[in-house]
Amino acid sequence: MDAVESVSDGFALWDEHDRLILTNSRLRAIFSDLGEAQNRGLTFEEALRVGVERRVYADIGDTQAEVEAWIMETVARHRSPGETFEVKLTGNRWLLVSERRTESGLIVGTYTDITRRKKDEESLRNLSVSVRKVHE
């Protein structure tokens, strides 16, 4: 357990039935709005739906159909791990999510806060636009 807590990123472990086994304190802090949805035994989809209800995720759609499509896409991505992807949270926060399946069927996920990087990218885009306008 000390090893998991010493990881600077958020960490989660899901069993072969997609139920949460373990998280570290960093992940619980990142998703503090989820409260009991971070309890062991909940499925990924159950935890995700709580996050949607509590408006943890940003830019997931305006209509119920768009939100449902986002949930299904995110669950499918989780169940077939291997691709690293970004997730926008409310408060203009960003996570880089990396999930991998172990040989025994568990899913290991790391969640890196990339908010600073995204803000820096936005600043560079704004600067680039300003420079182009000056040169026009």
C-alpha atoms as a PDB file:
ATOM      1  CA  MET A   1       0.000   0.000   0.000  1.00  0.00           C
ATOM      2  CA  ASP A   2       2.882   2.404   0.699  1.00  0.00           C
ATOM      3  CA  ALA A   3       4.037   2.018  -2.894  1.00  0.00           C
ATOM      4  CA  VAL A   4       0.616   3.041  -4.246  1.00  0.00           C
ATOM      5  CA  GLU A   5       0.433   6.030  -1.908  1.00  0.00           C
ATOM      6  CA  SER A   6       3.919   7.164  -2.932  1.00  0.00           C
ATOM      7  CA  VAL A   7       2.857   7.571  -6.585  1.00  0.00           C
ATOM      8  CA  SER A   8       2.567  11.297  -7.375  1.00  0.00           C
ATOM      9  CA  ASP A   9      -0.287  10.694  -9.843  1.00  0.00           C
ATOM     10  CA  GLY A  10      -3.755   9.403  -9.121  1.00  0.00           C
ATOM     11  CA  PHE A  11      -3.891   5.597  -9.144  1.00  0.00           C
ATOM     12  CA  ALA A  12      -6.800   3.153  -9.427  1.00  0.00           C
ATOM     13  CA  LEU A  13      -7.057  -0.600  -9.730  1.00  0.00           C
ATOM     14  CA  TRP A  14     -10.161  -2.289 -11.176  1.00  0.00           C
ATOM     15  CA  ASP A  15     -10.871  -6.029 -10.996  1.00  0.00           C
ATOM     16  CA  GLU A  16     -11.776  -8.339 -13.873  1.00  0.00           C
ATOM     17  CA  HIS A  17     -15.474  -7.518 -13.283  1.00  0.00           C
ATOM     18  CA  ASP A  18     -14.738  -3.780 -13.596  1.00  0.00           C
ATOM     19  CA  ARG A  19     -15.188  -3.116  -9.886  1.00  0.00           C
ATOM     20  CA  LEU A  20     -12.932  -0.706  -8.042  1.00  0.00           C
ATOM     21  CA  ILE A  21     -10.397  -2.445  -5.804  1.00  0.00           C
ATOM     22  CA  LEU A  22      -7.984   0.289  -4.797  1.00  0.00           C
ATOM     23  CA  THR A  23      -7.264   4.007  -5.144  1.00  0.00           C
ATOM     24  CA  ASN A  24      -4.561   6.222  -3.719  1.00  0.00           C
ATOM     25  CA  SER A  25      -5.060   9.475  -1.823  1.00  0.00           C
ATOM     26  CA  ARG A  26      -4.010  11.545  -4.857  1.00  0.00           C
ATOM     27  CA  LEU A  27      -6.862  10.120  -6.965  1.00  0.00           C
ATOM     28  CA  ARG A  28      -9.326  10.604  -4.110  1.00  0.00           C
ATOM     29  CA  ALA A  29      -8.221  14.263  -3.912  1.00  0.00           C
ATOM     30  CA  ILE A  30      -8.569  14.778  -7.676  1.00  0.00           C
ATOM     31  CA  PHE A  31     -12.083  13.324  -7.600  1.00  0.00           C
ATOM     32  CA  SER A  32     -13.087  14.592  -4.155  1.00  0.00           C
ATOM     33  CA  ASP A  33     -16.516  15.592  -5.540  1.00  0.00           C
ATOM     34  CA  LEU A  34     -17.272  11.911  -6.131  1.00  0.00           C
ATOM     35  CA  GLY A  35     -17.376  11.111  -2.412  1.00  0.00           C
ATOM     36  CA  GLU A  36     -18.784   7.607  -1.922  1.00  0.00           C
ATOM     37  CA  ALA A  37     -18.444   6.864  -5.646  1.00  0.00           C
ATOM     38  CA  GLN A  38     -14.796   6.208  -4.870  1.00  0.00           C
ATOM     39  CA  ASN A  39     -15.731   3.334  -2.581  1.00  0.00           C
ATOM     40  CA  ARG A  40     -14.440  -0.108  -3.356  1.00  0.00           C
ATOM     41  CA  GLY A  41     -16.849  -2.356  -5.184  1.00  0.00           C
ATOM     42  CA  LEU A  42     -18.439   0.210  -7.472  1.00  0.00           C
ATOM     43  CA  THR A  43     -18.091  -0.407 -11.176  1.00  0.00           C
ATOM     44  CA  PHE A  44     -16.327   2.087 -13.412  1.00  0.00           C
ATOM     45  CA  GLU A  45     -19.624   2.983 -15.078  1.00  0.00           C
ATOM     46  CA  GLU A  46     -21.351   3.551 -11.730  1.00  0.00           C
ATOM     47  CA  ALA A  47     -18.558   5.880 -10.587  1.00  0.00           C
ATOM     48  CA  LEU A  48     -18.572   7.664 -13.944  1.00  0.00           C
ATOM     49  CA  ARG A  49     -22.341   8.264 -13.777  1.00  0.00           C
ATOM     50  CA  VAL A  50     -21.999   9.753 -10.283  1.00  0.00           C
ATOM     51  CA  GLY A  51     -19.335  12.083 -11.687  1.00  0.00           C
ATOM     52  CA  VAL A  52     -21.676  13.137 -14.482  1.00  0.00           C
ATOM     53  CA  GLU A  53     -24.522  13.769 -12.020  1.00  0.00           C
ATOM     54  CA  ARG A  54     -22.217  15.844  -9.807  1.00  0.00           C
ATOM     55  CA  ARG A  55     -20.875  17.748 -12.811  1.00  0.00           C
ATOM     56  CA  VAL A  56     -17.260  16.639 -12.327  1.00  0.00           C
ATOM     57  CA  TYR A  57     -16.671  16.384 -16.091  1.00  0.00           C
ATOM     58  CA  ALA A  58     -16.714  19.314 -18.520  1.00  0.00           C
ATOM     59  CA  ASP A  59     -17.610  19.473 -22.201  1.00  0.00           C
ATOM     60  CA  ILE A  60     -19.444  16.149 -22.323  1.00  0.00           C
ATOM     61  CA  GLY A  61     -22.480  17.447 -24.174  1.00  0.00           C
ATOM     62  CA  ASP A  62     -25.642  19.388 -23.551  1.00  0.00           C
ATOM     63  CA  THR A  63     -28.343  16.869 -24.373  1.00  0.00           C
ATOM     64  CA  GLN A  64     -29.046  13.603 -22.581  1.00  0.00           C
ATOM     65  CA  ALA A  65     -28.164  11.729 -25.781  1.00  0.00           C
ATOM     66  CA  GLU A  66     -24.760  13.462 -25.990  1.00  0.00           C
ATOM     67  CA  VAL A  67     -24.016  12.767 -22.326  1.00  0.00           C
ATOM     68  CA  GLU A  68     -25.049   9.113 -22.691  1.00  0.00           C
ATOM     69  CA  ALA A  69     -22.850   8.761 -25.790  1.00  0.00           C
ATOM     70  CA  TRP A  70     -19.907  10.238 -23.847  1.00  0.00           C
ATOM     71  CA  ILE A  71     -20.489   7.789 -20.987  1.00  0.00           C
ATOM     72  CA  MET A  72     -20.651   4.791 -23.326  1.00  0.00           C
ATOM     73  CA  GLU A  73     -17.519   5.921 -25.212  1.00  0.00           C
ATOM     74  CA  THR A  74     -15.623   6.428 -21.941  1.00  0.00           C
ATOM     75  CA  VAL A  75     -16.719   3.045 -20.559  1.00  0.00           C
ATOM     76  CA  ALA A  76     -15.728   1.314 -23.813  1.00  0.00           C
ATOM     77  CA  ARG A  77     -12.319   3.019 -23.742  1.00  0.00           C
ATOM     78  CA  HIS A  78     -11.876   1.917 -20.117  1.00  0.00           C
ATOM     79  CA  ARG A  79     -12.793  -1.703 -20.886  1.00  0.00           C
ATOM     80  CA  SER A  80     -10.293  -1.827 -23.755  1.00  0.00           C
ATOM     81  CA  PRO A  81      -7.374  -0.013 -22.145  1.00  0.00           C
ATOM     82  CA  GLY A  82      -4.131   0.848 -23.834  1.00  0.00           C
ATOM     83  CA  GLU A  83      -4.807   4.293 -25.261  1.00  0.00           C
ATOM     84  CA  THR A  84      -3.769   7.373 -23.282  1.00  0.00           C
ATOM     85  CA  PHE A  85      -6.339  10.166 -23.411  1.00  0.00           C
ATOM     86  CA  GLU A  86      -7.214  13.527 -21.865  1.00  0.00           C
ATOM     87  CA  VAL A  87     -10.292  14.335 -19.806  1.00  0.00           C
ATOM     88  CA  LYS A  88     -11.505  17.830 -19.052  1.00  0.00           C
ATOM     89  CA  LEU A  89     -12.913  18.371 -15.580  1.00  0.00           C
ATOM     90  CA  THR A  90     -14.930  21.309 -14.311  1.00  0.00           C
ATOM     91  CA  GLY A  91     -12.939  24.272 -13.096  1.00  0.00           C
ATOM     92  CA  ASN A  92     -10.844  24.095 -16.276  1.00  0.00           C
ATOM     93  CA  ARG A  93      -8.839  21.176 -14.869  1.00  0.00           C
ATOM     94  CA  TRP A  94      -7.365  18.482 -17.111  1.00  0.00           C
ATOM     95  CA  LEU A  95      -6.232  14.901 -16.575  1.00  0.00           C
ATOM     96  CA  LEU A  96      -4.110  12.627 -18.696  1.00  0.00           C
ATOM     97  CA  VAL A  97      -5.486   9.111 -18.225  1.00  0.00           C
ATOM     98  CA  SER A  98      -3.438   6.024 -18.907  1.00  0.00           C
ATOM     99  CA  GLU A  99      -4.966   2.588 -18.330  1.00  0.00           C
ATOM    100  CA  ARG A 100      -3.466  -0.836 -18.943  1.00  0.00           C
ATOM    101  CA  ARG A 101      -4.778  -4.360 -18.471  1.00  0.00           C
ATOM    102  CA  THR A 102      -2.611  -6.768 -16.492  1.00  0.00           C
ATOM    103  CA  GLU A 103      -2.090 -10.401 -17.456  1.00  0.00           C
ATOM    104  CA  SER A 104      -4.558 -11.393 -14.729  1.00  0.00           C
ATOM    105  CA  GLY A 105      -7.290  -9.150 -16.191  1.00  0.00           C
ATOM    106  CA  LEU A 106      -7.058  -6.220 -13.774  1.00  0.00           C
ATOM    107  CA  ILE A 107      -7.076  -2.660 -15.088  1.00  0.00           C
ATOM    108  CA  VAL A 108      -4.437  -0.299 -13.695  1.00  0.00           C
ATOM    109  CA  GLY A 109      -5.044   3.393 -14.227  1.00  0.00           C
ATOM    110  CA  THR A 110      -2.896   6.448 -13.627  1.00  0.00           C
ATOM    111  CA  TYR A 111      -4.354   9.945 -13.689  1.00  0.00           C
ATOM    112  CA  THR A 112      -1.927  12.831 -14.196  1.00  0.00           C
ATOM    113  CA  ASP A 113      -2.991  16.424 -13.618  1.00  0.00           C
ATOM    114  CA  ILE A 114      -2.003  18.290 -16.801  1.00  0.00           C
ATOM    115  CA  THR A 115      -3.861  21.516 -16.026  1.00  0.00           C
ATOM    116  CA  ARG A 116      -0.672  23.627 -16.018  1.00  0.00           C
ATOM    117  CA  ARG A 117       0.376  22.233 -19.404  1.00  0.00           C
ATOM    118  CA  LYS A 118      -3.054  22.954 -20.909  1.00  0.00           C
ATOM    119  CA  LYS A 119      -2.965  26.535 -19.581  1.00  0.00           C
ATOM    120  CA  ASP A 120       0.517  27.012 -21.055  1.00  0.00           C
ATOM    121  CA  GLU A 121      -0.707  25.661 -24.421  1.00  0.00           C
ATOM    122  CA  GLU A 122      -3.621  28.102 -24.360  1.00  0.00           C
ATOM    123  CA  SER A 123      -1.270  30.996 -23.559  1.00  0.00           C
ATOM    124  CA  LEU A 124       0.947  30.035 -26.495  1.00  0.00           C
ATOM    125  CA  ARG A 125      -2.072  29.857 -28.829  1.00  0.00           C
ATOM    126  CA  ASN A 126      -3.201  33.303 -27.682  1.00  0.00           C
ATOM    127  CA  LEU A 127       0.293  34.688 -28.156  1.00  0.00           C
ATOM    128  CA  SER A 128       0.491  33.174 -31.630  1.00  0.00           C
ATOM    129  CA  VAL A 129      -2.817  34.791 -32.607  1.00  0.00           C
ATOM    130  CA  SER A 130      -1.620  38.153 -31.262  1.00  0.00           C
ATOM    131  CA  VAL A 131       1.655  37.927 -33.187  1.00  0.00           C
ATOM    132  CA  ARG A 132      -0.187  37.056 -36.422  1.00  0.00           C
ATOM    133  CA  LYS A 133      -2.497  40.041 -36.007  1.00  0.00           C
ATOM    134  CA  VAL A 134       0.478  42.367 -35.527  1.00  0.00           C
ATOM    135  CA  HIS A 135       2.063  41.086 -38.725  1.00  0.00           C
ATOM    136  CA  GLU A 136      -1.089  41.351 -40.844  1.00  0.00           C
END
